[in-house]
Amino acid sequence: MLALIVEPGKTAAKYVNPESLVWRDAGVVLGYMSIVAEVLGLSFCPLGITAHAELTNLFGPNECLFGAGLALLGG
């Protein structure tokens, strides 16, 4: 399982409407991961959820980090 974790505060320090940029970047990263998985002959499935609940379960409540995507990678 792969989780994309972002720190939106750093993006907000430099850009207007940072949420939009974070979500677009997460989508691009998932797209590239799918291409690499295909080349390596692996299965790849973006789950369409943010993974914020999983992040909270792993590290506890955190105001600085947010989940931006979750995907499964397999052989």
N, C-alpha and C. Protein backbone atom coordinates (compact mmCIF):
# COMPACT_ATOMS: atom_id res chain seq x y z
N MET A 1 0.84 -1.16 0.00
CA MET A 1 0.00 0.00 0.00
C MET A 1 0.89 1.23 0.00
N LEU A 2 0.54 2.19 -0.82
CA LEU A 2 1.28 3.45 -0.91
C LEU A 2 0.36 4.59 -0.49
N ALA A 3 0.84 5.43 0.37
CA ALA A 3 0.06 6.59 0.81
C ALA A 3 0.82 7.87 0.42
N LEU A 4 0.11 8.80 -0.17
CA LEU A 4 0.69 10.11 -0.47
C LEU A 4 0.34 11.04 0.68
N ILE A 5 1.35 11.61 1.28
CA ILE A 5 1.17 12.51 2.43
C ILE A 5 1.72 13.87 2.04
N VAL A 6 0.94 14.90 2.30
CA VAL A 6 1.34 16.26 1.93
C VAL A 6 1.41 17.14 3.16
N GLU A 7 2.18 18.19 3.04
CA GLU A 7 2.28 19.22 4.07
C GLU A 7 1.81 20.52 3.42
N PRO A 8 0.49 20.77 3.44
CA PRO A 8 -0.05 21.91 2.69
C PRO A 8 0.43 23.27 3.18
N GLY A 9 0.91 23.36 4.39
CA GLY A 9 1.41 24.64 4.90
C GLY A 9 2.58 25.17 4.09
N LYS A 10 3.43 24.28 3.62
CA LYS A 10 4.58 24.72 2.81
C LYS A 10 4.11 25.22 1.45
N THR A 11 3.12 24.56 0.88
CA THR A 11 2.59 25.01 -0.41
C THR A 11 1.86 26.35 -0.24
N ALA A 12 1.12 26.48 0.85
CA ALA A 12 0.37 27.71 1.10
C ALA A 12 1.28 28.91 1.30
N ALA A 13 2.51 28.68 1.73
CA ALA A 13 3.44 29.78 1.94
C ALA A 13 3.88 30.43 0.62
N LYS A 14 3.75 29.70 -0.49
CA LYS A 14 4.26 30.21 -1.77
C LYS A 14 3.18 30.45 -2.82
N TYR A 15 2.00 29.80 -2.68
CA TYR A 15 1.00 29.85 -3.75
C TYR A 15 -0.37 30.26 -3.24
N VAL A 16 -1.12 30.90 -4.12
CA VAL A 16 -2.52 31.20 -3.85
C VAL A 16 -3.32 29.95 -4.21
N ASN A 17 -4.36 29.62 -3.47
CA ASN A 17 -5.17 28.41 -3.68
C ASN A 17 -4.31 27.15 -3.65
N PRO A 18 -3.59 26.92 -2.58
CA PRO A 18 -2.67 25.78 -2.54
C PRO A 18 -3.36 24.42 -2.58
N GLU A 19 -4.63 24.35 -2.14
CA GLU A 19 -5.33 23.06 -2.14
C GLU A 19 -5.43 22.50 -3.55
N SER A 20 -5.75 23.35 -4.50
CA SER A 20 -5.87 22.91 -5.89
C SER A 20 -4.55 22.35 -6.41
N LEU A 21 -3.48 23.02 -6.08
CA LEU A 21 -2.15 22.58 -6.54
C LEU A 21 -1.77 21.25 -5.91
N VAL A 22 -2.05 21.08 -4.62
CA VAL A 22 -1.73 19.83 -3.93
C VAL A 22 -2.48 18.66 -4.56
N TRP A 23 -3.79 18.84 -4.82
CA TRP A 23 -4.58 17.75 -5.41
C TRP A 23 -4.13 17.42 -6.82
N ARG A 24 -3.80 18.43 -7.62
CA ARG A 24 -3.30 18.16 -8.98
C ARG A 24 -1.97 17.43 -8.94
N ASP A 25 -1.08 17.85 -8.06
CA ASP A 25 0.21 17.18 -7.95
C ASP A 25 0.05 15.72 -7.51
N ALA A 26 -0.86 15.47 -6.58
CA ALA A 26 -1.10 14.10 -6.13
C ALA A 26 -1.61 13.25 -7.29
N GLY A 27 -2.47 13.80 -8.12
CA GLY A 27 -2.98 13.07 -9.28
C GLY A 27 -1.88 12.76 -10.28
N VAL A 28 -0.99 13.70 -10.49
CA VAL A 28 0.13 13.48 -11.42
C VAL A 28 1.05 12.39 -10.88
N VAL A 29 1.34 12.42 -9.59
CA VAL A 29 2.21 11.40 -8.98
C VAL A 29 1.58 10.02 -9.13
N LEU A 30 0.28 9.91 -8.88
CA LEU A 30 -0.40 8.62 -9.04
C LEU A 30 -0.34 8.15 -10.49
N GLY A 31 -0.48 9.08 -11.43
CA GLY A 31 -0.38 8.73 -12.84
C GLY A 31 0.99 8.18 -13.21
N TYR A 32 2.03 8.84 -12.74
CA TYR A 32 3.38 8.34 -13.01
C TYR A 32 3.65 7.00 -12.33
N MET A 33 3.11 6.83 -11.13
CA MET A 33 3.26 5.54 -10.45
C MET A 33 2.61 4.42 -11.26
N SER A 34 1.48 4.70 -11.88
CA SER A 34 0.81 3.67 -12.68
C SER A 34 1.63 3.31 -13.91
N ILE A 35 2.28 4.29 -14.51
CA ILE A 35 3.12 4.01 -15.68
C ILE A 35 4.33 3.17 -15.28
N VAL A 36 4.98 3.52 -14.19
CA VAL A 36 6.14 2.77 -13.71
C VAL A 36 5.74 1.34 -13.34
N ALA A 37 4.60 1.19 -12.68
CA ALA A 37 4.12 -0.15 -12.32
C ALA A 37 3.90 -1.00 -13.56
N GLU A 38 3.33 -0.41 -14.60
CA GLU A 38 3.10 -1.14 -15.86
C GLU A 38 4.42 -1.59 -16.47
N VAL A 39 5.41 -0.71 -16.50
CA VAL A 39 6.72 -1.06 -17.05
C VAL A 39 7.37 -2.20 -16.27
N LEU A 40 7.18 -2.19 -14.95
CA LEU A 40 7.77 -3.22 -14.10
C LEU A 40 6.93 -4.49 -14.03
N GLY A 41 5.78 -4.49 -14.70
CA GLY A 41 4.91 -5.66 -14.69
C GLY A 41 4.18 -5.86 -13.38
N LEU A 42 3.91 -4.77 -12.67
CA LEU A 42 3.21 -4.84 -11.38
C LEU A 42 1.78 -4.35 -11.54
N SER A 43 0.93 -4.79 -10.63
CA SER A 43 -0.44 -4.29 -10.58
C SER A 43 -0.45 -3.00 -9.78
N PHE A 44 -1.29 -2.06 -10.20
CA PHE A 44 -1.38 -0.78 -9.50
C PHE A 44 -2.82 -0.32 -9.53
N CYS A 45 -3.34 0.07 -8.37
CA CYS A 45 -4.74 0.52 -8.29
C CYS A 45 -4.86 1.70 -7.33
N PRO A 46 -5.06 2.93 -7.87
CA PRO A 46 -5.37 4.05 -6.99
C PRO A 46 -6.75 3.82 -6.37
N LEU A 47 -6.88 4.02 -5.07
CA LEU A 47 -8.12 3.69 -4.39
C LEU A 47 -9.15 4.82 -4.37
N GLY A 48 -8.76 6.01 -4.74
CA GLY A 48 -9.72 7.10 -4.80
C GLY A 48 -10.10 7.67 -3.44
N ILE A 49 -9.27 7.43 -2.43
CA ILE A 49 -9.51 8.02 -1.12
C ILE A 49 -8.26 8.80 -0.71
N THR A 50 -8.42 9.67 0.27
CA THR A 50 -7.30 10.55 0.63
C THR A 50 -6.29 9.93 1.57
N ALA A 51 -6.67 8.89 2.29
CA ALA A 51 -5.79 8.23 3.26
C ALA A 51 -5.58 9.05 4.52
N HIS A 52 -6.40 10.08 4.72
CA HIS A 52 -6.23 10.91 5.91
C HIS A 52 -6.54 10.11 7.18
N ALA A 53 -7.54 9.25 7.15
CA ALA A 53 -7.86 8.43 8.32
C ALA A 53 -6.72 7.48 8.65
N GLU A 54 -6.12 6.87 7.64
CA GLU A 54 -5.00 5.96 7.85
C GLU A 54 -3.79 6.70 8.42
N LEU A 55 -3.56 7.90 7.94
CA LEU A 55 -2.45 8.73 8.45
C LEU A 55 -2.67 9.03 9.94
N THR A 56 -3.89 9.36 10.31
CA THR A 56 -4.21 9.64 11.71
C THR A 56 -4.03 8.39 12.56
N ASN A 57 -4.44 7.22 12.03
CA ASN A 57 -4.27 5.98 12.78
C ASN A 57 -2.80 5.64 13.01
N LEU A 58 -1.95 5.93 12.03
CA LEU A 58 -0.53 5.61 12.15
C LEU A 58 0.23 6.57 13.06
N PHE A 59 0.00 7.86 12.88
CA PHE A 59 0.83 8.86 13.54
C PHE A 59 0.08 9.70 14.58
N GLY A 60 -1.21 9.46 14.76
CA GLY A 60 -2.00 10.27 15.67
C GLY A 60 -2.43 11.56 15.00
N PRO A 61 -3.25 12.35 15.68
CA PRO A 61 -3.71 13.61 15.09
C PRO A 61 -2.54 14.53 14.77
N ASN A 62 -2.55 15.07 13.57
CA ASN A 62 -1.47 15.93 13.13
C ASN A 62 -2.07 17.06 12.30
N GLU A 63 -1.80 18.29 12.70
CA GLU A 63 -2.38 19.44 12.01
C GLU A 63 -1.57 19.83 10.76
N CYS A 64 -0.35 19.31 10.62
CA CYS A 64 0.52 19.73 9.53
C CYS A 64 0.50 18.79 8.33
N LEU A 65 0.18 17.53 8.54
CA LEU A 65 0.21 16.55 7.47
C LEU A 65 -1.19 16.09 7.11
N PHE A 66 -1.43 15.89 5.82
CA PHE A 66 -2.71 15.42 5.33
C PHE A 66 -2.49 14.32 4.29
N GLY A 67 -3.39 13.38 4.25
CA GLY A 67 -3.35 12.35 3.23
C GLY A 67 -3.87 12.91 1.92
N ALA A 68 -3.20 12.57 0.82
CA ALA A 68 -3.62 13.06 -0.49
C ALA A 68 -3.91 11.93 -1.47
N GLY A 69 -3.74 10.69 -1.06
CA GLY A 69 -4.04 9.60 -1.96
C GLY A 69 -3.56 8.28 -1.40
N LEU A 70 -4.22 7.22 -1.83
CA LEU A 70 -3.86 5.88 -1.38
C LEU A 70 -3.95 4.96 -2.58
N ALA A 71 -2.98 4.07 -2.73
CA ALA A 71 -2.96 3.15 -3.86
C ALA A 71 -2.40 1.80 -3.41
N LEU A 72 -2.79 0.78 -4.13
CA LEU A 72 -2.26 -0.56 -3.90
C LEU A 72 -1.29 -0.92 -5.01
N LEU A 73 -0.20 -1.52 -4.64
CA LEU A 73 0.83 -1.96 -5.58
C LEU A 73 1.09 -3.42 -5.32
N GLY A 74 1.07 -4.23 -6.36
CA GLY A 74 1.26 -5.67 -6.17
C GLY A 74 2.02 -6.32 -7.31
N GLY A 75 2.33 -7.58 -7.09
CA GLY A 75 3.11 -8.32 -8.07
C GLY A 75 2.36 -9.16 -8.98
